[in-house]
Amino acid sequence: LTTSRFIELAQKFNINLTMVGAPIIIGNPD
């Protein structure tokens, strides 16, 4: 959730992000 929110805010304020790939979350989601 926090990663998605960070990406959303970065796009809203025109901050250029360079992502290598999708975020990787280790472990099983609850």
PDB file of all heavy atoms in Angstrom:
ATOM      1  N   LEU A   1       0.826  -1.219   0.000  1.00  0.00           N
ATOM      2  CA  LEU A   1       0.000   0.000   0.000  1.00  0.00           C
ATOM      3  C   LEU A   1       0.853   1.259   0.000  1.00  0.00           C
ATOM      4  O   LEU A   1       0.563   2.218  -0.724  1.00  0.00           O
ATOM      5  CB  LEU A   1      -0.934  -0.006   1.212  1.00  0.00           C
ATOM      6  CG  LEU A   1      -1.975  -1.112   1.269  1.00  0.00           C
ATOM      7  CD1 LEU A   1      -2.686  -1.105   2.612  1.00  0.00           C
ATOM      8  CD2 LEU A   1      -2.971  -0.947   0.150  1.00  0.00           C
ATOM      9  N   THR A   2       1.912   1.279   0.816  1.00  0.00           N
ATOM     10  CA  THR A   2       2.750   2.477   0.894  1.00  0.00           C
ATOM     11  C   THR A   2       3.544   2.681  -0.384  1.00  0.00           C
ATOM     12  O   THR A   2       3.754   3.821  -0.815  1.00  0.00           O
ATOM     13  CB  THR A   2       3.704   2.405   2.091  1.00  0.00           C
ATOM     14  OG1 THR A   2       4.458   1.207   2.029  1.00  0.00           O
ATOM     15  CG2 THR A   2       2.962   2.474   3.398  1.00  0.00           C
ATOM     16  N   THR A   3       3.983   1.609  -1.012  1.00  0.00           N
ATOM     17  CA  THR A   3       4.710   1.742  -2.276  1.00  0.00           C
ATOM     18  C   THR A   3       3.798   2.296  -3.355  1.00  0.00           C
ATOM     19  O   THR A   3       4.182   3.196  -4.113  1.00  0.00           O
ATOM     20  CB  THR A   3       5.286   0.372  -2.697  1.00  0.00           C
ATOM     21  OG1 THR A   3       6.094  -0.142  -1.638  1.00  0.00           O
ATOM     22  CG2 THR A   3       6.125   0.502  -3.943  1.00  0.00           C
ATOM     23  N   SER A   4       2.589   1.787  -3.418  1.00  0.00           N
ATOM     24  CA  SER A   4       1.622   2.295  -4.402  1.00  0.00           C
ATOM     25  C   SER A   4       1.310   3.763  -4.154  1.00  0.00           C
ATOM     26  O   SER A   4       1.208   4.561  -5.095  1.00  0.00           O
ATOM     27  CB  SER A   4       0.334   1.483  -4.350  1.00  0.00           C
ATOM     28  OG  SER A   4       0.580   0.146  -4.633  1.00  0.00           O
ATOM     29  N   ARG A   5       1.166   4.152  -2.898  1.00  0.00           N
ATOM     30  CA  ARG A   5       0.876   5.542  -2.558  1.00  0.00           C
ATOM     31  C   ARG A   5       2.057   6.445  -2.915  1.00  0.00           C
ATOM     32  O   ARG A   5       1.870   7.561  -3.417  1.00  0.00           O
ATOM     33  CB  ARG A   5       0.558   5.657  -1.059  1.00  0.00           C
ATOM     34  CG  ARG A   5       0.299   7.053  -0.577  1.00  0.00           C
ATOM     35  CD  ARG A   5      -1.014   7.612  -1.086  1.00  0.00           C
ATOM     36  NE  ARG A   5      -1.265   8.894  -0.473  1.00  0.00           N
ATOM     37  CZ  ARG A   5      -1.835   9.915  -1.090  1.00  0.00           C
ATOM     38  NH1 ARG A   5      -2.273   9.783  -2.316  1.00  0.00           N
ATOM     39  NH2 ARG A   5      -2.016  11.062  -0.470  1.00  0.00           N
ATOM     40  N   PHE A   6       3.285   5.975  -2.686  1.00  0.00           N
ATOM     41  CA  PHE A   6       4.467   6.759  -3.035  1.00  0.00           C
ATOM     42  C   PHE A   6       4.539   7.002  -4.543  1.00  0.00           C
ATOM     43  O   PHE A   6       4.790   8.125  -4.987  1.00  0.00           O
ATOM     44  CB  PHE A   6       5.742   6.051  -2.556  1.00  0.00           C
ATOM     45  CG  PHE A   6       6.999   6.713  -3.014  1.00  0.00           C
ATOM     46  CD1 PHE A   6       7.428   7.880  -2.411  1.00  0.00           C
ATOM     47  CD2 PHE A   6       7.750   6.178  -4.058  1.00  0.00           C
ATOM     48  CE1 PHE A   6       8.583   8.503  -2.825  1.00  0.00           C
ATOM     49  CE2 PHE A   6       8.895   6.805  -4.487  1.00  0.00           C
ATOM     50  CZ  PHE A   6       9.324   7.970  -3.871  1.00  0.00           C
ATOM     51  N   ILE A   7       4.274   5.971  -5.328  1.00  0.00           N
ATOM     52  CA  ILE A   7       4.304   6.113  -6.790  1.00  0.00           C
ATOM     53  C   ILE A   7       3.217   7.071  -7.250  1.00  0.00           C
ATOM     54  O   ILE A   7       3.436   7.930  -8.113  1.00  0.00           O
ATOM     55  CB  ILE A   7       4.166   4.735  -7.461  1.00  0.00           C
ATOM     56  CG1 ILE A   7       5.411   3.894  -7.165  1.00  0.00           C
ATOM     57  CG2 ILE A   7       3.943   4.861  -8.956  1.00  0.00           C
ATOM     58  CD1 ILE A   7       5.284   2.439  -7.556  1.00  0.00           C
ATOM     59  N   GLU A   8       2.036   6.979  -6.654  1.00  0.00           N
ATOM     60  CA  GLU A   8       0.919   7.880  -6.996  1.00  0.00           C
ATOM     61  C   GLU A   8       1.279   9.334  -6.698  1.00  0.00           C
ATOM     62  O   GLU A   8       1.037  10.231  -7.511  1.00  0.00           O
ATOM     63  CB  GLU A   8      -0.322   7.456  -6.211  1.00  0.00           C
ATOM     64  CG  GLU A   8      -1.539   8.328  -6.439  1.00  0.00           C
ATOM     65  CD  GLU A   8      -2.694   7.938  -5.526  1.00  0.00           C
ATOM     66  OE1 GLU A   8      -2.871   6.742  -5.252  1.00  0.00           O
ATOM     67  OE2 GLU A   8      -3.412   8.855  -5.081  1.00  0.00           O
ATOM     68  N   LEU A   9       1.867   9.590  -5.524  1.00  0.00           N
ATOM     69  CA  LEU A   9       2.252  10.962  -5.168  1.00  0.00           C
ATOM     70  C   LEU A   9       3.381  11.477  -6.060  1.00  0.00           C
ATOM     71  O   LEU A   9       3.400  12.657  -6.430  1.00  0.00           O
ATOM     72  CB  LEU A   9       2.666  11.033  -3.694  1.00  0.00           C
ATOM     73  CG  LEU A   9       1.540  10.909  -2.676  1.00  0.00           C
ATOM     74  CD1 LEU A   9       2.107  10.820  -1.268  1.00  0.00           C
ATOM     75  CD2 LEU A   9       0.569  12.072  -2.793  1.00  0.00           C
ATOM     76  N   ALA A  10       4.315  10.613  -6.407  1.00  0.00           N
ATOM     77  CA  ALA A  10       5.412  11.025  -7.282  1.00  0.00           C
ATOM     78  C   ALA A  10       4.874  11.430  -8.648  1.00  0.00           C
ATOM     79  O   ALA A  10       5.317  12.439  -9.229  1.00  0.00           O
ATOM     80  CB  ALA A  10       6.430   9.900  -7.411  1.00  0.00           C
ATOM     81  N   GLN A  11       3.931  10.684  -9.176  1.00  0.00           N
ATOM     82  CA  GLN A  11       3.339  11.026 -10.465  1.00  0.00           C
ATOM     83  C   GLN A  11       2.519  12.311 -10.375  1.00  0.00           C
ATOM     84  O   GLN A  11       2.528  13.135 -11.294  1.00  0.00           O
ATOM     85  CB  GLN A  11       2.471   9.876 -10.969  1.00  0.00           C
ATOM     86  CG  GLN A  11       3.267   8.661 -11.394  1.00  0.00           C
ATOM     87  CD  GLN A  11       2.386   7.458 -11.692  1.00  0.00           C
ATOM     88  OE1 GLN A  11       1.194   7.456 -11.385  1.00  0.00           O
ATOM     89  NE2 GLN A  11       2.990   6.425 -12.288  1.00  0.00           N
ATOM     90  N   LYS A  12       1.835  12.513  -9.248  1.00  0.00           N
ATOM     91  CA  LYS A  12       1.003  13.709  -9.060  1.00  0.00           C
ATOM     92  C   LYS A  12       1.850  14.972  -9.061  1.00  0.00           C
ATOM     93  O   LYS A  12       1.445  16.012  -9.608  1.00  0.00           O
ATOM     94  CB  LYS A  12       0.224  13.589  -7.747  1.00  0.00           C
ATOM     95  CG  LYS A  12      -0.676  14.770  -7.453  1.00  0.00           C
ATOM     96  CD  LYS A  12      -1.429  14.557  -6.158  1.00  0.00           C
ATOM     97  CE  LYS A  12      -2.282  15.775  -5.836  1.00  0.00           C
ATOM     98  NZ  LYS A  12      -3.015  15.603  -4.572  1.00  0.00           N
ATOM     99  N   PHE A  13       3.046  14.900  -8.453  1.00  0.00           N
ATOM    100  CA  PHE A  13       3.910  16.082  -8.369  1.00  0.00           C
ATOM    101  C   PHE A  13       5.000  16.075  -9.438  1.00  0.00           C
ATOM    102  O   PHE A  13       6.011  16.769  -9.310  1.00  0.00           O
ATOM    103  CB  PHE A  13       4.528  16.174  -6.969  1.00  0.00           C
ATOM    104  CG  PHE A  13       3.515  16.475  -5.903  1.00  0.00           C
ATOM    105  CD1 PHE A  13       3.112  15.486  -5.020  1.00  0.00           C
ATOM    106  CD2 PHE A  13       2.933  17.735  -5.806  1.00  0.00           C
ATOM    107  CE1 PHE A  13       2.163  15.752  -4.034  1.00  0.00           C
ATOM    108  CE2 PHE A  13       1.989  18.003  -4.836  1.00  0.00           C
ATOM    109  CZ  PHE A  13       1.602  17.015  -3.946  1.00  0.00           C
ATOM    110  N   ASN A  14       4.789  15.308 -10.496  1.00  0.00           N
ATOM    111  CA  ASN A  14       5.687  15.260 -11.648  1.00  0.00           C
ATOM    112  C   ASN A  14       7.128  14.937 -11.260  1.00  0.00           C
ATOM    113  O   ASN A  14       8.071  15.541 -11.769  1.00  0.00           O
ATOM    114  CB  ASN A  14       5.631  16.572 -12.439  1.00  0.00           C
ATOM    115  CG  ASN A  14       4.257  16.810 -13.023  1.00  0.00           C
ATOM    116  OD1 ASN A  14       3.585  15.866 -13.433  1.00  0.00           O
ATOM    117  ND2 ASN A  14       3.821  18.059 -13.029  1.00  0.00           N
ATOM    118  N   ILE A  15       7.310  14.017 -10.362  1.00  0.00           N
ATOM    119  CA  ILE A  15       8.646  13.553  -9.997  1.00  0.00           C
ATOM    120  C   ILE A  15       8.959  12.372 -10.908  1.00  0.00           C
ATOM    121  O   ILE A  15       8.198  11.401 -10.986  1.00  0.00           O
ATOM    122  CB  ILE A  15       8.718  13.133  -8.510  1.00  0.00           C
ATOM    123  CG1 ILE A  15       8.422  14.350  -7.628  1.00  0.00           C
ATOM    124  CG2 ILE A  15      10.073  12.529  -8.184  1.00  0.00           C
ATOM    125  CD1 ILE A  15       8.306  14.017  -6.161  1.00  0.00           C
ATOM    126  N   ASN A  16      10.069  12.463 -11.592  1.00  0.00           N
ATOM    127  CA  ASN A  16      10.435  11.446 -12.556  1.00  0.00           C
ATOM    128  C   ASN A  16      11.035  10.241 -11.820  1.00  0.00           C
ATOM    129  O   ASN A  16      12.071  10.351 -11.174  1.00  0.00           O
ATOM    130  CB  ASN A  16      11.434  12.013 -13.564  1.00  0.00           C
ATOM    131  CG  ASN A  16      11.664  11.075 -14.729  1.00  0.00           C
ATOM    132  OD1 ASN A  16      10.944  10.097 -14.878  1.00  0.00           O
ATOM    133  ND2 ASN A  16      12.663  11.376 -15.530  1.00  0.00           N
ATOM    134  N   LEU A  17      10.378   9.110 -11.905  1.00  0.00           N
ATOM    135  CA  LEU A  17      10.848   7.876 -11.283  1.00  0.00           C
ATOM    136  C   LEU A  17      11.340   6.919 -12.352  1.00  0.00           C
ATOM    137  O   LEU A  17      10.724   6.771 -13.403  1.00  0.00           O
ATOM    138  CB  LEU A  17       9.721   7.183 -10.508  1.00  0.00           C
ATOM    139  CG  LEU A  17       9.185   7.863  -9.272  1.00  0.00           C
ATOM    140  CD1 LEU A  17       8.034   7.060  -8.696  1.00  0.00           C
ATOM    141  CD2 LEU A  17      10.269   7.998  -8.235  1.00  0.00           C
ATOM    142  N   THR A  18      12.433   6.291 -12.077  1.00  0.00           N
ATOM    143  CA  THR A  18      12.921   5.245 -12.967  1.00  0.00           C
ATOM    144  C   THR A  18      12.833   3.942 -12.194  1.00  0.00           C
ATOM    145  O   THR A  18      13.552   3.737 -11.207  1.00  0.00           O
ATOM    146  CB  THR A  18      14.379   5.520 -13.379  1.00  0.00           C
ATOM    147  OG1 THR A  18      14.449   6.821 -13.943  1.00  0.00           O
ATOM    148  CG2 THR A  18      14.850   4.491 -14.378  1.00  0.00           C
ATOM    149  N   MET A  19      11.931   3.085 -12.640  1.00  0.00           N
ATOM    150  CA  MET A  19      11.736   1.811 -11.957  1.00  0.00           C
ATOM    151  C   MET A  19      12.313   0.703 -12.814  1.00  0.00           C
ATOM    152  O   MET A  19      12.101   0.647 -14.022  1.00  0.00           O
ATOM    153  CB  MET A  19      10.255   1.565 -11.697  1.00  0.00           C
ATOM    154  CG  MET A  19       9.655   2.544 -10.716  1.00  0.00           C
ATOM    155  SD  MET A  19       7.913   2.275 -10.382  1.00  0.00           S
ATOM    156  CE  MET A  19       7.862   0.590  -9.914  1.00  0.00           C
ATOM    157  N   VAL A  20      13.067  -0.155 -12.216  1.00  0.00           N
ATOM    158  CA  VAL A  20      13.661  -1.277 -12.928  1.00  0.00           C
ATOM    159  C   VAL A  20      12.596  -2.324 -13.237  1.00  0.00           C
ATOM    160  O   VAL A  20      12.595  -2.940 -14.284  1.00  0.00           O
ATOM    161  CB  VAL A  20      14.807  -1.899 -12.089  1.00  0.00           C
ATOM    162  CG1 VAL A  20      15.392  -3.113 -12.763  1.00  0.00           C
ATOM    163  CG2 VAL A  20      15.867  -0.861 -11.810  1.00  0.00           C
ATOM    164  N   GLY A  21      11.706  -2.527 -12.323  1.00  0.00           N
ATOM    165  CA  GLY A  21      10.636  -3.503 -12.505  1.00  0.00           C
ATOM    166  C   GLY A  21       9.565  -3.259 -11.458  1.00  0.00           C
ATOM    167  O   GLY A  21       9.557  -2.228 -10.775  1.00  0.00           O
ATOM    168  N   ALA A  22       8.673  -4.211 -11.356  1.00  0.00           N
ATOM    169  CA  ALA A  22       7.612  -4.102 -10.356  1.00  0.00           C
ATOM    170  C   ALA A  22       8.205  -4.278  -8.964  1.00  0.00           C
ATOM    171  O   ALA A  22       9.205  -4.985  -8.798  1.00  0.00           O
ATOM    172  CB  ALA A  22       6.547  -5.156 -10.619  1.00  0.00           C
ATOM    173  N   PRO A  23       7.609  -3.638  -7.951  1.00  0.00           N
ATOM    174  CA  PRO A  23       8.119  -3.825  -6.587  1.00  0.00           C
ATOM    175  C   PRO A  23       8.022  -5.294  -6.178  1.00  0.00           C
ATOM    176  O   PRO A  23       7.045  -5.978  -6.486  1.00  0.00           O
ATOM    177  CB  PRO A  23       7.194  -2.967  -5.725  1.00  0.00           C
ATOM    178  CG  PRO A  23       6.517  -2.046  -6.673  1.00  0.00           C
ATOM    179  CD  PRO A  23       6.504  -2.701  -8.001  1.00  0.00           C
ATOM    180  N   ILE A  24       9.049  -5.768  -5.496  1.00  0.00           N
ATOM    181  CA  ILE A  24       9.087  -7.155  -5.045  1.00  0.00           C
ATOM    182  C   ILE A  24       8.852  -7.169  -3.543  1.00  0.00           C
ATOM    183  O   ILE A  24       9.547  -6.481  -2.794  1.00  0.00           O
ATOM    184  CB  ILE A  24      10.447  -7.804  -5.367  1.00  0.00           C
ATOM    185  CG1 ILE A  24      10.666  -7.816  -6.878  1.00  0.00           C
ATOM    186  CG2 ILE A  24      10.504  -9.214  -4.810  1.00  0.00           C
ATOM    187  CD1 ILE A  24      12.055  -8.249  -7.267  1.00  0.00           C
ATOM    188  N   ILE A  25       7.886  -7.942  -3.137  1.00  0.00           N
ATOM    189  CA  ILE A  25       7.574  -8.075  -1.715  1.00  0.00           C
ATOM    190  C   ILE A  25       7.895  -9.504  -1.318  1.00  0.00           C
ATOM    191  O   ILE A  25       7.360 -10.455  -1.890  1.00  0.00           O
ATOM    192  CB  ILE A  25       6.104  -7.726  -1.437  1.00  0.00           C
ATOM    193  CG1 ILE A  25       5.839  -6.283  -1.840  1.00  0.00           C
ATOM    194  CG2 ILE A  25       5.765  -7.975   0.018  1.00  0.00           C
ATOM    195  CD1 ILE A  25       4.395  -5.881  -1.779  1.00  0.00           C
ATOM    196  N   ILE A  26       8.797  -9.652  -0.369  1.00  0.00           N
ATOM    197  CA  ILE A  26       9.207 -10.976   0.076  1.00  0.00           C
ATOM    198  C   ILE A  26       8.260 -11.447   1.164  1.00  0.00           C
ATOM    199  O   ILE A  26       7.912 -10.703   2.068  1.00  0.00           O
ATOM    200  CB  ILE A  26      10.657 -10.945   0.600  1.00  0.00           C
ATOM    201  CG1 ILE A  26      11.582 -10.506  -0.528  1.00  0.00           C
ATOM    202  CG2 ILE A  26      11.069 -12.292   1.151  1.00  0.00           C
ATOM    203  CD1 ILE A  26      12.989 -10.265  -0.107  1.00  0.00           C
ATOM    204  N   GLY A  27       7.853 -12.693   1.082  1.00  0.00           N
ATOM    205  CA  GLY A  27       6.936 -13.246   2.064  1.00  0.00           C
ATOM    206  C   GLY A  27       5.528 -13.283   1.517  1.00  0.00           C
ATOM    207  O   GLY A  27       5.205 -12.673   0.499  1.00  0.00           O
ATOM    208  N   ASN A  28       4.708 -14.012   2.183  1.00  0.00           N
ATOM    209  CA  ASN A  28       3.316 -14.128   1.760  1.00  0.00           C
ATOM    210  C   ASN A  28       2.495 -12.993   2.346  1.00  0.00           C
ATOM    211  O   ASN A  28       2.640 -12.676   3.527  1.00  0.00           O
ATOM    212  CB  ASN A  28       2.734 -15.465   2.224  1.00  0.00           C
ATOM    213  CG  ASN A  28       3.443 -16.640   1.579  1.00  0.00           C
ATOM    214  OD1 ASN A  28       3.886 -16.543   0.445  1.00  0.00           O
ATOM    215  ND2 ASN A  28       3.561 -17.730   2.317  1.00  0.00           N
ATOM    216  N   PRO A  29       1.643 -12.392   1.532  1.00  0.00           N
ATOM    217  CA  PRO A  29       0.762 -11.358   2.093  1.00  0.00           C
ATOM    218  C   PRO A  29      -0.206 -11.978   3.085  1.00  0.00           C
ATOM    219  O   PRO A  29      -0.615 -13.132   2.930  1.00  0.00           O
ATOM    220  CB  PRO A  29       0.039 -10.791   0.873  1.00  0.00           C
ATOM    221  CG  PRO A  29       0.142 -11.846  -0.166  1.00  0.00           C
ATOM    222  CD  PRO A  29       1.398 -12.617   0.115  1.00  0.00           C
ATOM    223  N   ASP A  30      -0.528 -11.227   4.097  1.00  0.00           N
ATOM    224  CA  ASP A  30      -1.451 -11.718   5.122  1.00  0.00           C
ATOM    225  C   ASP A  30      -2.863 -11.716   4.561  1.00  0.00           C
ATOM    226  O   ASP A  30      -3.253 -10.826   3.816  1.00  0.00           O
ATOM    227  CB  ASP A  30      -1.367 -10.827   6.366  1.00  0.00           C
ATOM    228  CG  ASP A  30      -1.928 -11.494   7.596  1.00  0.00           C
ATOM    229  OD1 ASP A  30      -2.081 -12.728   7.580  1.00  0.00           O
ATOM    230  OD2 ASP A  30      -2.212 -10.802   8.576  1.00  0.00           O
TER     231      ASP A  30
END
